[in-house]
Protein backbone atom coordinates (compact mmCIF):
# COMPACT_ATOMS: atom_id res chain seq x y z
CA MET A 1 0.00 0.00 0.00
CA SER A 2 1.36 3.44 -0.91
CA LYS A 3 2.15 6.03 1.75
CA SER A 4 -0.64 8.31 0.48
CA LYS A 5 -3.18 5.47 0.76
CA ILE A 6 -2.03 4.69 4.29
CA LEU A 7 -2.45 8.37 5.20
CA LEU A 8 -6.00 8.46 3.85
CA ALA A 9 -6.87 5.14 5.47
CA THR A 10 -5.65 6.14 8.93
CA THR A 11 -7.51 9.44 8.73
CA ALA A 12 -10.72 7.73 7.65
CA SER A 13 -10.46 5.04 10.32
CA VAL A 14 -10.61 7.52 13.19
CA ALA A 15 -13.58 9.31 11.61
CA THR A 16 -15.93 6.43 12.45
CA PHE A 17 -16.63 7.58 16.02
CA GLY A 18 -20.13 8.62 17.04
CA PHE A 19 -19.77 12.38 16.44
CA PRO A 20 -23.30 13.34 17.59
CA ALA A 21 -22.58 11.93 21.05
CA LEU A 22 -19.62 14.29 21.41
CA SER A 23 -21.83 17.36 21.06
CA GLU A 24 -24.01 15.98 23.88
CA GLU A 25 -20.93 15.63 26.09
CA ILE A 26 -19.96 19.24 25.32
CA ASP A 27 -23.44 20.44 26.33
CA TRP A 28 -23.12 18.48 29.59
CA ILE A 29 -19.70 19.99 30.41
CA ASN A 30 -20.96 23.49 29.56
CA GLN A 31 -23.85 22.98 31.97
CA ILE A 32 -21.42 21.93 34.72
CA ASN A 33 -19.38 25.10 34.13
CA THR A 34 -22.54 27.21 34.30
CA ASP A 35 -23.66 25.55 37.53
CA LEU A 36 -20.23 25.97 39.13
CA SER A 37 -20.08 29.64 38.17
CA LYS A 38 -23.50 30.24 39.72
CA ALA A 39 -22.43 28.46 42.89
CA PHE A 40 -19.35 30.67 43.27
CA GLY A 41 -21.19 33.92 42.60
CA ASN A 42 -18.70 36.48 41.26
CA THR A 43 -16.29 33.78 40.06
CA LYS A 44 -16.51 32.19 36.62
CA VAL A 45 -15.40 28.54 36.68
CA THR A 46 -14.41 26.64 33.53
CA ILE A 47 -13.50 22.97 33.28
CA TYR A 48 -11.77 22.24 29.98
CA GLY A 49 -9.49 19.77 28.27
CA GLN A 50 -8.77 17.74 25.18
CA ILE A 51 -8.15 14.18 24.04
CA ASN A 52 -5.72 13.86 21.13
CA GLN A 53 -5.16 10.25 20.11
CA GLY A 54 -4.28 8.43 16.91
CA ILE A 55 -2.27 5.77 15.12
CA LEU A 56 1.39 6.21 14.13
CA SER A 57 3.48 4.26 11.63
CA TYR A 58 7.24 4.85 11.48
CA ASP A 59 9.79 3.49 8.98
CA ASP A 60 13.35 3.88 10.30
CA GLY A 61 15.01 2.92 7.01
CA ILE A 62 15.15 -0.79 7.82
CA GLU A 63 12.00 -1.69 9.71
CA SER A 64 8.48 -0.28 10.01
CA SER A 65 6.50 -0.26 13.25
CA THR A 66 2.92 0.75 14.04
CA TYR A 67 1.73 2.19 17.35
CA PHE A 68 -1.90 2.40 18.45
CA PRO A 69 -3.21 4.18 20.33
CA VAL A 70 -0.69 6.99 20.74
CA ASP A 71 -1.04 10.46 22.20
CA ASN A 72 -0.15 13.21 19.74
CA ALA A 73 2.72 15.25 21.21
CA ASN A 74 1.98 18.17 18.89
CA SER A 75 -0.81 18.99 21.33
CA GLY A 76 -1.02 16.37 24.07
CA SER A 77 -4.15 15.28 25.91
CA ARG A 78 -4.88 17.32 29.03
CA ILE A 79 -7.48 18.45 31.53
CA GLY A 80 -7.73 21.69 33.46
CA ILE A 81 -9.83 24.10 35.46
CA GLU A 82 -9.75 27.91 35.30
CA THR A 83 -11.38 30.53 37.48
CA GLU A 84 -11.84 34.25 36.92
CA THR A 85 -13.01 36.60 39.66
CA GLY A 86 -13.89 40.23 39.08
CA LEU A 87 -12.15 42.72 41.35
CA SER A 88 -12.44 46.48 41.67
CA SER A 89 -11.06 49.16 39.31
CA GLY A 90 -11.12 46.92 36.23
CA TRP A 91 -8.90 44.19 37.67
CA SER A 92 -9.63 40.47 37.70
CA MET A 93 -7.96 37.53 39.43
CA GLY A 94 -7.48 34.21 37.69
CA THR A 95 -6.28 30.76 38.65
CA LYS A 96 -5.36 27.86 36.39
CA ILE A 97 -4.60 24.20 37.06
CA GLU A 98 -3.79 22.03 34.05
CA LEU A 99 -2.46 18.47 33.91
CA GLY A 100 -1.06 16.59 30.93
CA ILE A 101 -2.33 13.03 30.51
CA THR A 102 -0.25 11.56 27.70
CA PRO A 103 0.11 7.76 27.77
CA SER A 104 2.07 6.32 24.82
CA SER A 105 3.07 9.76 23.57
CA THR A 106 4.57 10.10 20.09
CA SER A 107 7.46 11.86 21.85
CA SER A 108 8.45 8.64 23.65
CA VAL A 109 7.26 5.46 21.87
CA ASN A 110 9.76 3.62 19.68
CA ILE A 111 10.71 0.18 18.40
CA LYS A 112 12.29 -0.73 21.75
CA ASP A 113 9.54 0.78 23.91
CA LYS A 114 6.13 0.37 22.29
CA ASP A 115 4.30 1.87 25.30
CA GLY A 116 6.54 4.87 25.91
CA GLY A 117 6.98 4.14 29.62
CA TRP A 118 4.58 6.88 30.79
CA ALA A 119 3.42 7.26 34.38
CA PHE A 120 1.85 10.41 35.79
CA ASP A 121 4.27 12.44 37.91
CA GLN A 122 5.01 16.05 38.82
CA THR A 123 6.42 16.82 35.35
CA ASP A 124 2.87 16.45 33.96
CA ILE A 125 1.78 19.58 35.85
CA ARG A 126 1.49 22.02 32.95
CA HIS A 127 -0.04 24.94 34.85
CA LEU A 128 -0.48 25.73 38.53
CA GLU A 129 -0.70 29.50 38.64
CA MET A 130 -2.45 32.67 39.72
CA SER A 131 -2.77 35.88 37.71
CA PHE A 132 -4.02 39.45 38.07
CA ALA A 133 -5.15 41.18 34.87
CA SER A 134 -6.24 44.63 33.78
CA GLU A 135 -6.97 45.87 30.25
CA ALA A 136 -5.11 49.07 31.10
CA TYR A 137 -2.08 47.69 32.94
CA GLY A 138 -1.58 44.17 31.60
CA THR A 139 -1.27 40.81 33.36
CA PHE A 140 0.92 39.63 36.24
CA SER A 141 1.30 35.84 36.61
CA PHE A 142 2.90 33.70 39.30
CA GLY A 143 3.39 29.93 39.50
CA GLN A 144 4.01 27.04 37.12
CA GLY A 145 3.22 28.20 33.61
CA SER A 146 4.53 29.60 30.36
CA MET A 147 7.69 31.67 30.21
CA ALA A 148 7.55 34.81 28.07
CA THR A 149 8.92 33.03 24.98
CA ASP A 150 6.66 29.98 25.19
CA GLY A 151 4.94 29.79 21.79
CA ILE A 152 7.13 32.50 20.24
CA THR A 153 8.03 30.32 17.24
CA GLY A 154 4.46 29.13 16.66
CA ALA A 155 2.79 31.89 14.61
CA ASP A 156 0.56 29.94 12.21
CA PHE A 157 -2.77 30.47 10.41
CA SER A 158 -2.78 27.20 8.44
CA GLY A 159 -5.32 25.40 10.60
CA THR A 160 -3.18 22.23 10.73
CA GLY A 161 -1.27 22.95 13.94
CA VAL A 162 -2.84 19.94 15.65
CA ILE A 163 -0.55 17.64 13.62
CA ALA A 164 2.00 19.86 11.82
CA GLY A 165 4.05 22.75 13.17
CA VAL A 166 7.50 24.12 13.75
CA ALA A 167 8.19 21.43 16.36
CA VAL A 168 8.53 18.92 13.53
CA SER A 169 9.81 16.11 15.74
CA ASP A 170 6.62 16.00 17.85
CA MET A 171 4.99 13.56 15.44
CA ALA A 172 7.68 10.91 16.01
CA GLY A 173 10.15 12.38 18.49
CA GLY A 174 10.71 9.18 20.45
CA GLN A 175 11.77 7.12 17.43
CA LEU A 176 15.36 5.87 17.29
CA VAL A 177 17.70 6.90 14.47
CA ARG A 178 19.66 4.13 12.75
CA ASP A 179 23.17 4.49 11.38
CA ALA A 180 24.25 3.09 8.00
CA MET A 181 24.98 -0.30 9.58
CA GLY A 182 21.52 -0.49 11.14
CA GLY A 183 22.55 0.27 14.71
CA PHE A 184 20.69 2.71 16.93
CA THR A 185 23.59 5.14 17.42
CA GLY A 186 21.89 8.34 16.24
CA GLY A 187 19.88 9.15 19.34
CA LYS A 188 16.20 9.96 18.91
CA VAL A 189 14.44 11.96 16.21
CA SER A 190 13.85 14.75 18.75
CA ASP A 191 17.62 15.08 19.28
CA HIS A 192 18.03 16.26 15.68
CA PHE A 193 15.29 18.94 15.60
CA ASP A 194 14.85 21.96 17.87
CA ASN A 195 12.31 24.76 17.43
CA MET A 196 14.05 26.83 20.15
CA ASP A 197 10.75 27.79 21.71
CA GLY A 198 10.23 28.83 25.32
CA ALA A 199 9.16 26.44 28.08
CA ARG A 200 6.91 26.21 31.12
CA ARG A 201 8.58 26.80 34.48
CA PHE A 202 7.79 28.05 37.97
CA ARG A 203 8.03 31.76 37.21
CA VAL A 204 6.87 35.30 37.63
CA ARG A 205 5.73 36.88 34.38
CA TYR A 206 4.41 40.19 33.16
CA ASP A 207 2.48 40.81 29.91
CA SER A 208 1.76 44.39 28.95
CA ALA A 209 -1.54 45.65 27.68
CA SER A 210 -1.81 45.76 23.89
CA TYR A 211 -0.46 48.93 22.29
CA ASN A 212 -1.54 49.18 18.64
CA GLY A 213 -1.18 45.43 18.31
CA PHE A 214 2.10 45.14 20.24
CA THR A 215 2.42 43.17 23.49
CA PHE A 216 5.60 43.05 25.59
CA SER A 217 6.41 40.20 27.98
CA GLY A 218 9.11 39.29 30.46
CA ALA A 219 9.61 36.40 32.88
CA TYR A 220 11.99 34.93 35.43
CA GLY A 221 11.72 31.30 36.48
CA GLN A 222 13.28 28.12 37.76
CA GLU A 223 12.76 24.44 36.96
CA VAL A 224 11.11 22.94 40.06
CA LEU A 225 9.46 19.84 38.58
CA ALA A 226 12.62 18.08 37.42
CA ASP A 227 15.69 17.13 39.44
CA ASP A 228 19.27 18.35 38.97
CA ASP A 229 18.40 21.74 37.46
CA SER A 230 19.33 24.73 39.59
CA ASN A 231 19.57 27.20 36.70
CA ASP A 232 17.90 30.58 36.60
CA TYR A 233 15.85 31.31 33.48
CA TYR A 234 15.06 34.75 32.09
CA ASP A 235 13.36 35.77 28.86
CA LEU A 236 11.84 38.73 27.03
CA ALA A 237 9.40 38.73 24.12
CA VAL A 238 7.56 41.09 21.81
CA ARG A 239 4.44 40.01 19.91
CA TYR A 240 2.44 41.78 17.24
CA ALA A 241 -0.98 40.88 15.87
CA ARG A 242 -3.13 42.94 13.53
CA THR A 243 -5.64 42.66 10.71
CA TYR A 244 -5.16 44.79 7.60
CA GLY A 245 -8.20 44.55 5.37
CA ASP A 246 -8.28 41.00 4.03
CA TYR A 247 -4.98 40.06 5.70
CA ALA A 248 -4.40 38.80 9.24
CA PHE A 249 -0.84 39.06 10.53
CA ALA A 250 0.87 37.71 13.65
CA SER A 251 4.51 37.67 14.71
CA GLY A 252 6.79 37.42 17.70
CA ILE A 253 10.44 37.53 18.65
CA GLY A 254 12.08 36.59 21.92
CA TYR A 255 15.40 36.30 23.69
CA ALA A 256 16.05 33.82 26.49
CA TRP A 257 18.88 33.26 28.97
CA ASN A 258 18.82 29.61 30.05
CA GLY A 259 21.26 29.34 32.93
CA ASP A 260 24.81 30.59 32.52
CA ASP A 261 25.65 28.68 29.35
CA GLU A 262 22.85 29.13 26.83
CA GLU A 263 21.21 32.08 25.10
CA VAL A 264 18.43 31.71 22.55
CA LEU A 265 17.12 34.12 19.92
CA SER A 266 14.00 32.89 18.14
CA GLY A 267 10.80 34.10 16.52
CA SER A 268 8.13 33.60 13.90
CA ALA A 269 5.68 35.42 11.64
CA ALA A 270 2.54 34.39 9.78
CA VAL A 271 0.07 35.95 7.37
CA LEU A 272 -3.37 34.82 6.21
CA HIS A 273 -5.29 36.05 3.16
CA GLN A 274 -8.77 35.52 4.54
CA PRO A 275 -10.83 35.45 1.30
CA SER A 276 -8.66 32.78 -0.34
CA GLY A 277 -7.65 30.83 2.78
CA LEU A 278 -3.99 30.92 1.77
CA SER A 279 -1.44 31.37 4.53
CA LEU A 280 2.32 31.47 4.98
CA ALA A 281 4.39 31.10 8.15
CA VAL A 282 8.11 31.34 8.82
CA ALA A 283 10.16 30.69 11.95
CA GLY A 284 13.79 30.51 12.93
CA GLY A 285 16.20 30.58 15.81
CA ARG A 286 19.75 30.49 17.03
CA THR A 287 21.04 29.07 20.30
CA SER A 288 24.49 29.17 21.84
CA ALA A 289 25.59 26.56 24.37
CA ASP A 290 28.36 24.02 23.81
CA ARG A 291 27.92 24.86 20.13
CA ASP A 292 25.90 27.31 18.06
CA SER A 293 22.77 25.75 16.54
CA THR A 294 20.44 27.34 13.99
CA TYR A 295 17.31 26.44 12.07
CA GLY A 296 14.80 27.83 9.61
CA TYR A 297 11.22 26.80 8.94
CA VAL A 298 8.55 27.67 6.36
CA LYS A 299 4.95 26.50 6.07
CA ALA A 300 2.28 27.13 3.43
CA GLY A 301 -1.38 26.50 4.20
CA TYR A 302 -4.75 26.46 2.46
CA GLN A 303 -8.19 26.14 4.05
CA GLN A 304 -11.76 26.31 2.79
CA ASN A 305 -15.28 25.74 4.09
CA TRP A 306 -16.23 23.06 1.59
CA PHE A 307 -18.36 21.13 4.05
CA LYS A 308 -21.08 22.29 6.41
CA ALA A 309 -19.39 20.43 9.26
CA GLY A 310 -16.38 22.77 9.32
CA ALA A 311 -13.26 24.00 7.57
CA THR A 312 -10.86 21.72 5.69
CA ALA A 313 -7.19 22.68 5.96
CA PHE A 314 -4.03 21.55 4.14
CA SER A 315 -0.39 22.43 4.70
CA VAL A 316 3.11 21.63 3.51
CA ASP A 317 6.17 22.61 5.52
CA TYR A 318 9.96 22.40 5.50
CA TYR A 319 12.53 22.51 8.31
CA SER A 320 16.31 22.84 7.99
CA GLY A 321 18.61 22.71 11.03
CA ALA A 322 22.36 23.02 11.47
CA ASP A 323 24.47 21.70 14.37
CA VAL A 324 21.42 20.67 16.40
CA PHE A 325 22.43 17.04 17.07
CA GLU A 326 26.16 17.72 17.05
CA ALA A 327 28.61 20.18 15.53
CA GLY A 328 28.66 19.69 11.78
CA ALA A 329 25.35 17.80 11.65
CA ASP A 330 22.39 18.81 9.48
CA SER A 331 18.72 17.86 9.80
CA ARG A 332 15.84 18.36 7.39
CA SER A 333 12.15 17.53 7.37
CA VAL A 334 9.26 17.87 4.93
CA GLY A 335 5.67 17.38 6.02
CA LEU A 336 2.22 17.24 4.42
CA ALA A 337 -0.94 17.49 6.56
CA VAL A 338 -4.72 17.63 6.24
CA VAL A 339 -7.29 18.48 8.93
CA GLN A 340 -11.09 18.32 8.78
CA ASN A 341 -12.98 20.28 11.44
CA PHE A 342 -16.33 19.27 12.91
CA ASP A 343 -17.34 22.49 14.64
CA ARG A 344 -20.46 21.31 16.46
CA GLN A 345 -18.51 18.51 18.11
CA ASN A 346 -15.34 20.56 18.80
CA LEU A 347 -13.51 17.86 16.84
CA GLU A 348 -10.59 17.80 14.42
CA VAL A 349 -9.79 14.70 12.34
CA TYR A 350 -6.32 14.75 10.83
CA GLY A 351 -3.68 12.88 8.86
CA ALA A 352 -0.06 13.66 8.07
CA ILE A 353 3.09 12.25 6.52
CA ARG A 354 6.56 13.50 7.40
CA GLU A 355 10.03 12.66 6.11
CA TYR A 356 13.09 13.07 8.35
CA LYS A 357 16.62 13.33 6.99
CA PHE A 358 19.70 13.18 9.22
CA ASP A 359 23.25 14.06 8.17
CA GLY A 360 25.69 13.44 11.00
CA ALA A 361 29.18 14.84 11.27
CA SER A 362 30.70 11.59 12.52
CA ALA A 363 28.35 8.99 11.00
CA ASP A 364 25.78 8.45 8.26
CA TYR A 365 22.18 7.93 9.38
CA LYS A 366 19.19 6.45 7.62
CA ASP A 367 16.19 8.63 6.79
CA GLY A 368 12.88 8.10 8.57
CA THR A 369 9.24 8.38 7.52
CA ALA A 370 6.30 8.95 9.88
CA ILE A 371 2.61 8.60 8.97
CA MET A 372 -0.10 9.48 11.46
CA GLY A 373 -3.87 9.78 11.59
CA GLY A 374 -5.97 10.75 14.57
CA LEU A 375 -8.44 13.11 16.17
CA ARG A 376 -8.52 15.82 18.78
CA TRP A 377 -11.67 16.47 20.78
CA LYS A 378 -11.80 19.62 22.90
CA PHE A 379 -14.21 20.24 25.74
């Protein structure tokens, strides 16, 4: 069976779920949120989350393996609860607790570990934070959450971000890379690709109010959920978002100091022509640690409302990295993705194929091919 037929088959296979039942579940969750908000008076309470599961096939140049079910690391499954309480003088107080629940993640499964070895622990705490916000003065945040540069390389209007984005290794990051002799000496796919984006840490963060589309952010944090990391982390970011007639534009650039040894400059920009559904996104970054690493990324997208159920989106993207795995190494990836939205059910059904190419400085490595189909349901 050809790769394109496998892609279509995996996408179609996950589309056989009972979609009408999902809309009933959404109505039930919305009613819970309404009841909770009434019970707490001036506080709005929202329970939310997503399930993002699928089937992955990976060819490492010698052997192909299939994994089902897997959790899609492009946007892992999670559950959370948010509150928002109105205060005086235009201020509000918010809290957020969010947990990742990602068994058999595409970032960890491979030919030697079909299950990915996942068990819930403290590193699955995505958010545990409090914030104070004002339209005039911006937002102050404290606790486990996003640093200022988290998401800075992710500007994208393609509509396929659930399965294809600048973090190109997310689709098969746990897979092992074979050398020319067939040995697993090339690390993992994720070792060869870096989008140089920000992270989540225990931090204090400030986001300014929007000034003519510009937002300024800064954060200081530490890693408290993992052992053996006593570094201090600082970062600054500027974002811009605006609509000009038929065109929507978004961009961001950030600079991060990760401990004493690493500095990262990264950013992205995207534009959407709304009448045609055509979009273009670019991203890039440079990091200095033991060696200087760089990458560039470009993505073209197209989406249309052909079906009453929701928009259909396509994208093709390309990544090129230098010195990411080791000094003198190159990495490249090309991906093709399709997503069908089912708006009433808050559902996206997707399929993608991605080629990975690895050029080591000290060894030759075999190329890899990943094919994935799945669905994401948000509530």
